[in-house]
């Protein structure tokens, strides 16, 4: 009989990560600290953040910790991407990476020391803008409320990403306007 999952996410850790997402000014530092906080707070081996490049229509790694470059270069994890949280828009949990038929590289996961994996989409409103993968060295029994907590953090991250994109866009427009000749900026 399988044991009942115990809540793993403590409110203190959830609040700390959520607060950090809301208050960082520097995007790359925020992403680094977000990944580090996930690993530390939830006692997992690795975490990867992938974002959608809309021009290329593909995911690219923004930041990973606890995951080797060789593993990252493997590409897709699932044999059929229809299992990906990026495609489904829902969290995908794989309890046993070595014995799940959905997994494309079970040997590579074993070499990394990964036993289980949780992936969940990063959403901004109704759009999926990225994905987070969390890797654990143990068979991981997740409580449904923990999965919900991870999803809330991912949605929060999605809003921060959109806000950062809008901020960059406005700064580009401002720089373009500032570079116009003075005569063009005079109002009649």
N, C-alpha and C. Protein backbone atom coordinates (compact mmCIF):
# COMPACT_ATOMS: atom_id res chain seq x y z
N UNK A 1 0.84 -1.19 0.00
CA UNK A 1 0.00 0.00 0.00
C UNK A 1 0.88 1.24 0.00
N UNK A 2 0.55 2.16 -0.85
CA UNK A 2 1.31 3.40 -0.97
C UNK A 2 1.00 4.32 0.20
N UNK A 3 2.06 4.93 0.74
CA UNK A 3 1.82 5.86 1.84
C UNK A 3 1.26 7.18 1.34
N UNK A 4 0.48 7.81 2.18
CA UNK A 4 -0.17 9.06 1.83
C UNK A 4 0.87 10.19 1.83
N UNK A 5 0.88 11.02 0.77
CA UNK A 5 1.85 12.12 0.72
C UNK A 5 1.65 13.11 1.86
N UNK A 6 2.76 13.60 2.36
CA UNK A 6 2.75 14.60 3.43
C UNK A 6 3.07 15.94 2.80
N UNK A 7 2.41 16.99 3.27
CA UNK A 7 2.69 18.34 2.75
C UNK A 7 4.16 18.65 2.94
N UNK A 8 4.78 19.12 1.88
CA UNK A 8 6.20 19.41 1.89
C UNK A 8 6.46 20.91 1.91
N UNK A 9 5.62 21.68 1.26
CA UNK A 9 5.84 23.11 1.14
C UNK A 9 5.35 23.82 2.39
N UNK A 10 6.31 24.47 3.04
CA UNK A 10 5.96 25.24 4.23
C UNK A 10 5.58 26.65 3.80
N UNK A 11 4.63 27.24 4.49
CA UNK A 11 4.16 28.58 4.16
C UNK A 11 5.31 29.59 4.17
N UNK A 12 6.23 29.45 5.12
CA UNK A 12 7.37 30.37 5.22
C UNK A 12 8.18 30.35 3.91
N UNK A 13 8.47 29.16 3.38
CA UNK A 13 9.24 29.05 2.14
C UNK A 13 8.44 29.60 0.96
N UNK A 14 7.17 29.29 0.92
CA UNK A 14 6.30 29.78 -0.15
C UNK A 14 6.28 31.31 -0.16
N UNK A 15 6.13 31.90 1.01
CA UNK A 15 6.10 33.36 1.12
C UNK A 15 7.43 33.98 0.73
N UNK A 16 8.54 33.36 1.12
CA UNK A 16 9.86 33.89 0.79
C UNK A 16 10.08 33.92 -0.71
N UNK A 17 9.76 32.81 -1.38
CA UNK A 17 9.94 32.74 -2.83
C UNK A 17 8.99 33.70 -3.53
N UNK A 18 7.75 33.75 -3.09
CA UNK A 18 6.76 34.65 -3.69
C UNK A 18 7.18 36.11 -3.53
N UNK A 19 7.65 36.45 -2.35
CA UNK A 19 8.10 37.82 -2.09
C UNK A 19 9.28 38.18 -2.99
N UNK A 20 10.22 37.26 -3.13
CA UNK A 20 11.39 37.51 -3.98
C UNK A 20 10.96 37.76 -5.42
N UNK A 21 10.00 36.98 -5.92
CA UNK A 21 9.51 37.17 -7.28
C UNK A 21 8.94 38.57 -7.47
N UNK A 22 8.29 39.08 -6.44
CA UNK A 22 7.61 40.37 -6.53
C UNK A 22 8.53 41.57 -6.38
N UNK A 23 9.70 41.38 -5.79
CA UNK A 23 10.48 42.55 -5.40
C UNK A 23 11.82 42.73 -6.11
N UNK A 24 12.32 41.72 -6.80
CA UNK A 24 13.62 41.86 -7.46
C UNK A 24 13.53 42.81 -8.63
N UNK A 25 14.54 43.67 -8.76
CA UNK A 25 14.62 44.57 -9.91
C UNK A 25 15.42 43.93 -11.04
N UNK A 26 16.46 43.18 -10.68
CA UNK A 26 17.32 42.58 -11.69
C UNK A 26 16.81 41.19 -12.04
N UNK A 27 16.41 41.02 -13.29
CA UNK A 27 15.77 39.79 -13.76
C UNK A 27 16.66 38.56 -13.58
N UNK A 28 17.91 38.61 -14.03
CA UNK A 28 18.76 37.42 -13.96
C UNK A 28 19.05 37.02 -12.52
N UNK A 29 19.22 37.97 -11.64
CA UNK A 29 19.43 37.66 -10.22
C UNK A 29 18.18 37.02 -9.63
N UNK A 30 17.01 37.52 -10.01
CA UNK A 30 15.75 36.96 -9.53
C UNK A 30 15.62 35.50 -9.97
N UNK A 31 15.93 35.20 -11.23
CA UNK A 31 15.84 33.83 -11.74
C UNK A 31 16.82 32.93 -10.99
N UNK A 32 18.06 33.39 -10.79
CA UNK A 32 19.04 32.60 -10.05
C UNK A 32 18.54 32.28 -8.65
N UNK A 33 18.05 33.28 -7.96
CA UNK A 33 17.58 33.07 -6.59
C UNK A 33 16.31 32.22 -6.54
N UNK A 34 15.46 32.35 -7.55
CA UNK A 34 14.25 31.53 -7.63
C UNK A 34 14.62 30.05 -7.72
N UNK A 35 15.53 29.71 -8.62
CA UNK A 35 15.97 28.32 -8.80
C UNK A 35 16.64 27.80 -7.53
N UNK A 36 17.53 28.59 -6.95
CA UNK A 36 18.21 28.20 -5.72
C UNK A 36 17.22 28.00 -4.58
N UNK A 37 16.23 28.87 -4.48
CA UNK A 37 15.23 28.76 -3.41
C UNK A 37 14.38 27.50 -3.56
N UNK A 38 14.01 27.16 -4.78
CA UNK A 38 13.24 25.92 -5.01
C UNK A 38 14.04 24.72 -4.52
N UNK A 39 15.31 24.66 -4.91
CA UNK A 39 16.16 23.52 -4.53
C UNK A 39 16.33 23.45 -3.02
N UNK A 40 16.65 24.56 -2.41
CA UNK A 40 16.91 24.59 -0.97
C UNK A 40 15.64 24.36 -0.15
N UNK A 41 14.58 25.06 -0.49
CA UNK A 41 13.36 24.99 0.32
C UNK A 41 12.68 23.63 0.23
N UNK A 42 12.76 22.99 -0.94
CA UNK A 42 12.02 21.76 -1.13
C UNK A 42 12.94 20.54 -1.16
N UNK A 43 14.23 20.76 -0.86
CA UNK A 43 15.19 19.69 -0.70
C UNK A 43 15.21 18.73 -1.90
N UNK A 44 15.37 19.31 -3.09
CA UNK A 44 15.44 18.53 -4.32
C UNK A 44 16.84 18.66 -4.90
N UNK A 45 17.18 17.81 -5.86
CA UNK A 45 18.53 17.82 -6.42
C UNK A 45 18.74 18.89 -7.47
N UNK A 46 17.75 19.09 -8.33
CA UNK A 46 17.95 20.02 -9.43
C UNK A 46 16.68 20.71 -9.87
N UNK A 47 16.88 21.80 -10.59
CA UNK A 47 15.74 22.56 -11.10
C UNK A 47 16.20 23.27 -12.35
N UNK A 48 15.34 23.25 -13.37
CA UNK A 48 15.62 23.94 -14.64
C UNK A 48 14.45 24.84 -14.99
N UNK A 49 14.79 25.99 -15.53
CA UNK A 49 13.79 26.94 -16.00
C UNK A 49 13.96 27.08 -17.50
N UNK A 50 12.89 26.84 -18.23
CA UNK A 50 12.89 26.96 -19.69
C UNK A 50 11.84 27.99 -20.07
N UNK A 51 12.19 28.87 -21.01
CA UNK A 51 11.26 29.88 -21.47
C UNK A 51 11.04 29.74 -22.97
N UNK A 52 9.87 30.17 -23.41
CA UNK A 52 9.52 30.11 -24.81
C UNK A 52 10.12 31.28 -25.57
N UNK A 53 10.83 30.96 -26.65
CA UNK A 53 11.27 31.96 -27.60
C UNK A 53 10.21 31.96 -28.69
N UNK A 54 9.34 32.95 -28.67
CA UNK A 54 8.21 32.96 -29.61
C UNK A 54 8.66 33.09 -31.06
N UNK A 55 9.76 33.77 -31.31
CA UNK A 55 10.26 33.91 -32.68
C UNK A 55 10.71 32.56 -33.23
N UNK A 56 11.36 31.76 -32.40
CA UNK A 56 11.85 30.44 -32.81
C UNK A 56 10.83 29.33 -32.53
N UNK A 57 9.82 29.67 -31.73
CA UNK A 57 8.79 28.70 -31.30
C UNK A 57 9.41 27.47 -30.65
N UNK A 58 10.33 27.72 -29.71
CA UNK A 58 10.93 26.61 -28.98
C UNK A 58 11.32 27.07 -27.58
N UNK A 59 11.46 26.10 -26.70
CA UNK A 59 11.89 26.38 -25.34
C UNK A 59 13.41 26.43 -25.29
N UNK A 60 13.94 27.34 -24.47
CA UNK A 60 15.38 27.37 -24.25
C UNK A 60 15.64 27.47 -22.76
N UNK A 61 16.77 26.89 -22.33
CA UNK A 61 17.14 26.91 -20.92
C UNK A 61 17.61 28.30 -20.53
N UNK A 62 17.02 28.82 -19.47
CA UNK A 62 17.43 30.11 -18.95
C UNK A 62 18.39 29.90 -17.80
N UNK A 63 18.05 28.97 -16.93
CA UNK A 63 18.87 28.73 -15.74
C UNK A 63 18.58 27.34 -15.23
N UNK A 64 19.63 26.64 -14.83
CA UNK A 64 19.50 25.34 -14.20
C UNK A 64 20.51 25.25 -13.08
N UNK A 65 20.18 24.45 -12.09
CA UNK A 65 21.13 24.15 -11.02
C UNK A 65 20.92 22.70 -10.64
N UNK A 66 22.02 22.00 -10.42
CA UNK A 66 21.94 20.60 -10.05
C UNK A 66 21.69 19.67 -11.22
N UNK A 67 21.83 20.21 -12.44
CA UNK A 67 21.60 19.45 -13.67
C UNK A 67 22.83 19.67 -14.56
N UNK A 68 23.43 18.57 -15.06
CA UNK A 68 24.63 18.70 -15.87
C UNK A 68 24.32 19.26 -17.26
N UNK A 69 25.33 19.84 -17.88
CA UNK A 69 25.20 20.34 -19.25
C UNK A 69 24.85 19.20 -20.21
N UNK A 70 25.46 18.03 -19.99
CA UNK A 70 25.18 16.87 -20.85
C UNK A 70 23.70 16.52 -20.83
N UNK A 71 23.12 16.54 -19.64
CA UNK A 71 21.69 16.20 -19.51
C UNK A 71 20.82 17.26 -20.19
N UNK A 72 21.19 18.51 -20.03
CA UNK A 72 20.43 19.60 -20.64
C UNK A 72 20.47 19.53 -22.16
N UNK A 73 21.59 19.10 -22.71
CA UNK A 73 21.76 19.03 -24.17
C UNK A 73 20.96 17.89 -24.80
N UNK A 74 20.45 16.97 -23.99
CA UNK A 74 19.69 15.84 -24.53
C UNK A 74 18.43 16.29 -25.24
N UNK A 75 17.90 17.43 -24.84
CA UNK A 75 16.68 17.91 -25.49
C UNK A 75 15.45 17.42 -24.77
N UNK A 76 14.48 16.98 -25.56
CA UNK A 76 13.19 16.55 -24.99
C UNK A 76 13.40 15.42 -23.99
N UNK A 77 12.59 15.44 -22.95
CA UNK A 77 12.66 14.40 -21.92
C UNK A 77 11.65 13.31 -22.22
N UNK A 78 10.49 13.73 -22.73
CA UNK A 78 9.41 12.78 -22.97
C UNK A 78 9.53 12.19 -24.38
N UNK A 79 9.22 10.90 -24.49
CA UNK A 79 9.23 10.21 -25.77
C UNK A 79 8.28 10.93 -26.74
N UNK A 80 7.14 11.30 -26.25
CA UNK A 80 6.15 12.03 -27.04
C UNK A 80 5.84 13.32 -26.27
N UNK A 81 6.08 14.45 -26.88
CA UNK A 81 5.92 15.73 -26.19
C UNK A 81 4.48 16.02 -25.74
N UNK A 82 3.52 15.18 -26.14
CA UNK A 82 2.16 15.40 -25.66
C UNK A 82 2.07 15.23 -24.14
N UNK A 83 3.10 14.64 -23.54
CA UNK A 83 3.13 14.47 -22.08
C UNK A 83 3.75 15.68 -21.38
N UNK A 84 4.31 16.59 -22.12
CA UNK A 84 4.99 17.74 -21.55
C UNK A 84 3.99 18.71 -20.94
N UNK A 85 4.33 19.26 -19.80
CA UNK A 85 3.45 20.25 -19.17
C UNK A 85 3.34 21.50 -20.03
N UNK A 86 4.34 21.74 -20.88
CA UNK A 86 4.27 22.87 -21.79
C UNK A 86 3.14 22.67 -22.80
N UNK A 87 2.92 21.44 -23.21
CA UNK A 87 1.87 21.12 -24.17
C UNK A 87 0.51 20.98 -23.48
N UNK A 88 0.50 20.28 -22.34
CA UNK A 88 -0.77 20.02 -21.66
C UNK A 88 -1.29 21.23 -20.88
N UNK A 89 -0.36 22.10 -20.45
CA UNK A 89 -0.76 23.23 -19.62
C UNK A 89 -1.03 22.84 -18.18
N UNK A 90 -0.71 21.59 -17.85
CA UNK A 90 -0.94 21.05 -16.50
C UNK A 90 0.37 20.49 -15.95
N UNK A 91 0.49 20.39 -14.63
CA UNK A 91 1.69 19.76 -14.07
C UNK A 91 1.77 18.30 -14.52
N UNK A 92 2.98 17.84 -14.73
CA UNK A 92 3.22 16.44 -15.07
C UNK A 92 4.21 15.89 -14.06
N UNK A 93 3.82 14.82 -13.39
CA UNK A 93 4.67 14.22 -12.38
C UNK A 93 5.08 12.83 -12.85
N UNK A 94 6.38 12.56 -12.79
CA UNK A 94 6.91 11.24 -13.11
C UNK A 94 7.58 10.73 -11.84
N UNK A 95 6.99 9.73 -11.23
CA UNK A 95 7.48 9.21 -9.96
C UNK A 95 8.76 8.39 -10.12
N UNK A 96 8.89 7.67 -11.26
CA UNK A 96 10.04 6.80 -11.46
C UNK A 96 10.58 7.00 -12.88
N UNK A 97 11.59 7.83 -13.01
CA UNK A 97 12.15 8.18 -14.32
C UNK A 97 12.76 6.98 -15.05
N UNK A 98 13.22 5.98 -14.30
CA UNK A 98 13.86 4.83 -14.93
C UNK A 98 12.86 3.82 -15.47
N UNK A 99 11.64 3.83 -14.99
CA UNK A 99 10.67 2.80 -15.39
C UNK A 99 9.36 3.37 -15.92
N UNK A 100 9.38 4.58 -16.41
CA UNK A 100 8.18 5.20 -16.96
C UNK A 100 8.30 5.22 -18.48
N UNK A 101 7.37 4.61 -19.21
CA UNK A 101 7.49 4.54 -20.67
C UNK A 101 7.44 5.90 -21.36
N UNK A 102 7.02 6.94 -20.66
CA UNK A 102 6.98 8.28 -21.26
C UNK A 102 8.36 8.93 -21.36
N UNK A 103 9.34 8.41 -20.61
CA UNK A 103 10.65 9.04 -20.52
C UNK A 103 11.58 8.56 -21.62
N UNK A 104 12.21 9.52 -22.30
CA UNK A 104 13.06 9.23 -23.44
C UNK A 104 14.48 8.79 -23.05
N UNK A 105 15.01 9.34 -21.97
CA UNK A 105 16.40 9.06 -21.58
C UNK A 105 16.48 8.56 -20.13
N UNK A 106 15.94 7.37 -19.83
CA UNK A 106 15.98 6.89 -18.45
C UNK A 106 17.40 6.65 -17.94
N UNK A 107 18.31 6.21 -18.82
CA UNK A 107 19.69 5.95 -18.40
C UNK A 107 20.39 7.25 -18.01
N UNK A 108 20.14 8.30 -18.79
CA UNK A 108 20.74 9.60 -18.48
C UNK A 108 20.22 10.14 -17.15
N UNK A 109 18.93 9.94 -16.90
CA UNK A 109 18.35 10.38 -15.62
C UNK A 109 19.00 9.61 -14.46
N UNK A 110 19.21 8.30 -14.65
CA UNK A 110 19.85 7.50 -13.60
C UNK A 110 21.29 7.97 -13.36
N UNK A 111 22.01 8.27 -14.44
CA UNK A 111 23.38 8.76 -14.33
C UNK A 111 23.43 10.09 -13.55
N UNK A 112 22.42 10.92 -13.73
CA UNK A 112 22.33 12.20 -13.01
C UNK A 112 21.93 12.00 -11.54
N UNK A 113 21.38 10.83 -11.25
CA UNK A 113 20.88 10.57 -9.89
C UNK A 113 19.44 11.00 -9.71
N UNK A 114 18.73 11.24 -10.83
CA UNK A 114 17.33 11.66 -10.76
C UNK A 114 16.43 10.43 -10.71
N UNK A 115 15.53 10.43 -9.75
CA UNK A 115 14.58 9.33 -9.62
C UNK A 115 13.19 9.78 -10.05
N UNK A 116 12.80 10.98 -9.65
CA UNK A 116 11.48 11.49 -10.01
C UNK A 116 11.60 12.94 -10.49
N UNK A 117 10.54 13.38 -11.18
CA UNK A 117 10.56 14.72 -11.77
C UNK A 117 9.14 15.29 -11.77
N UNK A 118 9.06 16.56 -11.46
CA UNK A 118 7.81 17.31 -11.59
C UNK A 118 8.07 18.42 -12.59
N UNK A 119 7.20 18.53 -13.59
CA UNK A 119 7.28 19.65 -14.51
C UNK A 119 5.95 20.40 -14.43
N UNK A 120 6.03 21.69 -14.54
CA UNK A 120 4.80 22.46 -14.57
C UNK A 120 4.99 23.67 -15.45
N UNK A 121 3.90 24.10 -16.08
CA UNK A 121 3.99 25.23 -17.01
C UNK A 121 4.11 26.56 -16.28
N UNK A 122 4.80 27.48 -16.93
CA UNK A 122 4.80 28.86 -16.47
C UNK A 122 3.77 29.56 -17.35
N UNK A 123 2.72 30.06 -16.71
CA UNK A 123 1.63 30.69 -17.44
C UNK A 123 1.57 32.18 -17.13
N UNK A 124 1.16 32.91 -18.14
CA UNK A 124 0.82 34.31 -17.94
C UNK A 124 -0.55 34.50 -18.57
N UNK A 125 -1.51 34.70 -17.73
CA UNK A 125 -2.90 34.72 -18.16
C UNK A 125 -3.21 33.37 -18.80
N UNK A 126 -3.58 33.31 -20.06
CA UNK A 126 -3.90 32.03 -20.69
C UNK A 126 -2.76 31.47 -21.53
N UNK A 127 -1.67 32.21 -21.65
CA UNK A 127 -0.55 31.77 -22.48
C UNK A 127 0.48 31.01 -21.64
N UNK A 128 1.02 29.96 -22.21
CA UNK A 128 2.11 29.23 -21.56
C UNK A 128 3.40 29.82 -22.10
N UNK A 129 4.22 30.38 -21.21
CA UNK A 129 5.43 31.09 -21.62
C UNK A 129 6.71 30.35 -21.25
N UNK A 130 6.58 29.22 -20.58
CA UNK A 130 7.76 28.47 -20.19
C UNK A 130 7.39 27.26 -19.37
N UNK A 131 8.43 26.67 -18.78
CA UNK A 131 8.23 25.45 -18.01
C UNK A 131 9.33 25.34 -16.96
N UNK A 132 8.98 24.76 -15.83
CA UNK A 132 9.95 24.48 -14.78
C UNK A 132 9.99 22.98 -14.58
N UNK A 133 11.20 22.44 -14.48
CA UNK A 133 11.40 21.02 -14.17
C UNK A 133 12.12 20.93 -12.84
N UNK A 134 11.58 20.11 -11.96
CA UNK A 134 12.19 19.89 -10.66
C UNK A 134 12.54 18.41 -10.56
N UNK A 135 13.80 18.13 -10.23
CA UNK A 135 14.32 16.76 -10.18
C UNK A 135 14.63 16.36 -8.74
N UNK A 136 14.24 15.14 -8.39
CA UNK A 136 14.47 14.64 -7.03
C UNK A 136 15.25 13.33 -7.09
N UNK A 137 16.05 13.08 -6.06
CA UNK A 137 16.85 11.86 -5.99
C UNK A 137 16.09 10.69 -5.37
N UNK A 138 14.87 10.93 -4.95
CA UNK A 138 14.06 9.89 -4.32
C UNK A 138 12.74 9.76 -5.06
N UNK A 139 12.08 8.65 -4.81
CA UNK A 139 10.71 8.52 -5.28
C UNK A 139 9.89 9.51 -4.45
N UNK A 140 9.20 10.36 -5.10
CA UNK A 140 8.61 11.52 -4.47
C UNK A 140 7.10 11.38 -4.48
N UNK A 141 6.49 11.33 -3.35
CA UNK A 141 5.03 11.29 -3.26
C UNK A 141 4.55 12.70 -2.98
N UNK A 142 3.96 13.33 -3.98
CA UNK A 142 3.56 14.73 -3.85
C UNK A 142 2.13 14.88 -3.37
N UNK A 143 1.96 15.76 -2.43
CA UNK A 143 0.64 16.12 -1.95
C UNK A 143 0.00 17.04 -2.98
N UNK A 144 -1.27 16.90 -3.21
CA UNK A 144 -1.98 17.71 -4.22
C UNK A 144 -1.84 19.21 -3.94
N UNK A 145 -1.84 19.60 -2.67
CA UNK A 145 -1.69 21.02 -2.34
C UNK A 145 -0.29 21.54 -2.63
N UNK A 146 0.73 20.66 -2.56
CA UNK A 146 2.08 21.07 -2.94
C UNK A 146 2.15 21.34 -4.44
N UNK A 147 1.51 20.49 -5.23
CA UNK A 147 1.46 20.71 -6.67
C UNK A 147 0.77 22.03 -6.96
N UNK A 148 -0.32 22.31 -6.27
CA UNK A 148 -1.02 23.59 -6.43
C UNK A 148 -0.11 24.76 -6.06
N UNK A 149 0.67 24.61 -5.00
CA UNK A 149 1.58 25.67 -4.58
C UNK A 149 2.63 25.94 -5.65
N UNK A 150 3.21 24.87 -6.23
CA UNK A 150 4.17 25.05 -7.31
C UNK A 150 3.53 25.77 -8.49
N UNK A 151 2.30 25.42 -8.80
CA UNK A 151 1.60 26.07 -9.93
C UNK A 151 1.37 27.54 -9.66
N UNK A 152 1.04 27.90 -8.43
CA UNK A 152 0.85 29.31 -8.08
C UNK A 152 2.17 30.07 -8.24
N UNK A 153 3.28 29.48 -7.78
CA UNK A 153 4.58 30.13 -7.95
C UNK A 153 4.92 30.30 -9.43
N UNK A 154 4.59 29.30 -10.25
CA UNK A 154 4.86 29.38 -11.68
C UNK A 154 4.01 30.47 -12.34
N UNK A 155 2.76 30.61 -11.93
CA UNK A 155 1.91 31.68 -12.47
C UNK A 155 2.43 33.05 -12.05
N UNK A 156 2.88 33.14 -10.82
CA UNK A 156 3.46 34.38 -10.32
C UNK A 156 4.69 34.72 -11.16
N UNK A 157 5.54 33.72 -11.42
CA UNK A 157 6.73 33.92 -12.25
C UNK A 157 6.32 34.37 -13.66
N UNK A 158 5.25 33.80 -14.20
CA UNK A 158 4.76 34.19 -15.52
C UNK A 158 4.40 35.67 -15.58
N UNK A 159 3.75 36.16 -14.55
CA UNK A 159 3.41 37.60 -14.50
C UNK A 159 4.65 38.47 -14.40
N UNK A 160 5.63 38.01 -13.62
CA UNK A 160 6.88 38.75 -13.49
C UNK A 160 7.60 38.79 -14.84
N UNK A 161 7.59 37.66 -15.56
CA UNK A 161 8.23 37.61 -16.88
C UNK A 161 7.55 38.58 -17.85
N UNK A 162 6.22 38.60 -17.84
CA UNK A 162 5.52 39.53 -18.73
C UNK A 162 5.79 40.97 -18.35
N UNK A 163 5.78 41.26 -17.08
CA UNK A 163 6.06 42.61 -16.61
C UNK A 163 7.47 43.03 -17.03
N UNK A 164 8.43 42.12 -16.90
CA UNK A 164 9.81 42.41 -17.31
C UNK A 164 9.88 42.68 -18.82
N UNK A 165 9.15 41.90 -19.61
CA UNK A 165 9.11 42.10 -21.05
C UNK A 165 8.50 43.44 -21.42
N UNK A 166 7.41 43.82 -20.74
CA UNK A 166 6.79 45.11 -20.99
C UNK A 166 7.71 46.27 -20.60
N UNK A 167 8.41 46.09 -19.49
CA UNK A 167 9.35 47.11 -19.04
C UNK A 167 10.47 47.29 -20.08
N UNK A 168 11.01 46.18 -20.59
CA UNK A 168 12.05 46.26 -21.62
C UNK A 168 11.53 46.92 -22.88
N UNK A 169 10.30 46.59 -23.26
CA UNK A 169 9.69 47.18 -24.44
C UNK A 169 9.55 48.70 -24.28
N UNK A 170 9.03 49.13 -23.13
CA UNK A 170 8.86 50.57 -22.89
C UNK A 170 10.21 51.30 -22.86
N UNK A 171 11.24 50.67 -22.30
CA UNK A 171 12.56 51.29 -22.28
C UNK A 171 13.11 51.43 -23.71
N UNK A 172 12.82 50.45 -24.56
CA UNK A 172 13.25 50.52 -25.97
C UNK A 172 12.54 51.66 -26.68
N UNK A 173 11.23 51.78 -26.45
CA UNK A 173 10.45 52.86 -27.06
C UNK A 173 10.97 54.21 -26.57
N UNK A 174 11.20 54.33 -25.28
CA UNK A 174 11.70 55.58 -24.70
C UNK A 174 13.05 55.94 -25.31
N UNK A 175 13.94 54.95 -25.44
CA UNK A 175 15.25 55.22 -26.04
C UNK A 175 15.11 55.66 -27.49
N UNK A 176 14.17 55.05 -28.21
CA UNK A 176 13.96 55.44 -29.61
C UNK A 176 13.42 56.86 -29.70
N UNK A 177 12.48 57.20 -28.84
CA UNK A 177 11.91 58.55 -28.84
C UNK A 177 12.99 59.56 -28.45
N UNK A 178 13.79 59.22 -27.44
CA UNK A 178 14.86 60.12 -27.01
C UNK A 178 15.91 60.35 -28.09
N UNK A 179 16.04 59.41 -29.01
CA UNK A 179 17.05 59.55 -30.06
C UNK A 179 16.54 60.33 -31.28
N UNK A 180 15.25 60.66 -31.28
CA UNK A 180 14.71 61.46 -32.39
C UNK A 180 15.29 62.87 -32.35
N UNK A 181 15.45 63.50 -33.50
CA UNK A 181 15.93 64.90 -33.51
C UNK A 181 14.93 65.80 -32.75
N UNK A 182 15.46 66.79 -32.12
CA UNK A 182 14.64 67.70 -31.33
C UNK A 182 13.50 68.33 -32.11
N UNK A 183 13.75 68.67 -33.37
CA UNK A 183 12.72 69.30 -34.20
C UNK A 183 11.49 68.39 -34.36
N UNK A 184 11.69 67.07 -34.30
CA UNK A 184 10.59 66.14 -34.48
C UNK A 184 9.76 66.01 -33.19
N UNK A 185 10.35 66.37 -32.08
CA UNK A 185 9.65 66.26 -30.80
C UNK A 185 8.86 67.50 -30.44
N UNK A 186 9.08 68.62 -31.16
CA UNK A 186 8.35 69.86 -30.88
C UNK A 186 6.90 69.70 -31.27
N UNK A 187 6.06 70.14 -30.42
CA UNK A 187 4.64 70.08 -30.68
C UNK A 187 4.19 71.39 -31.33
N UNK A 188 3.31 71.35 -32.34
CA UNK A 188 2.86 72.60 -33.00
C UNK A 188 2.01 73.44 -32.08
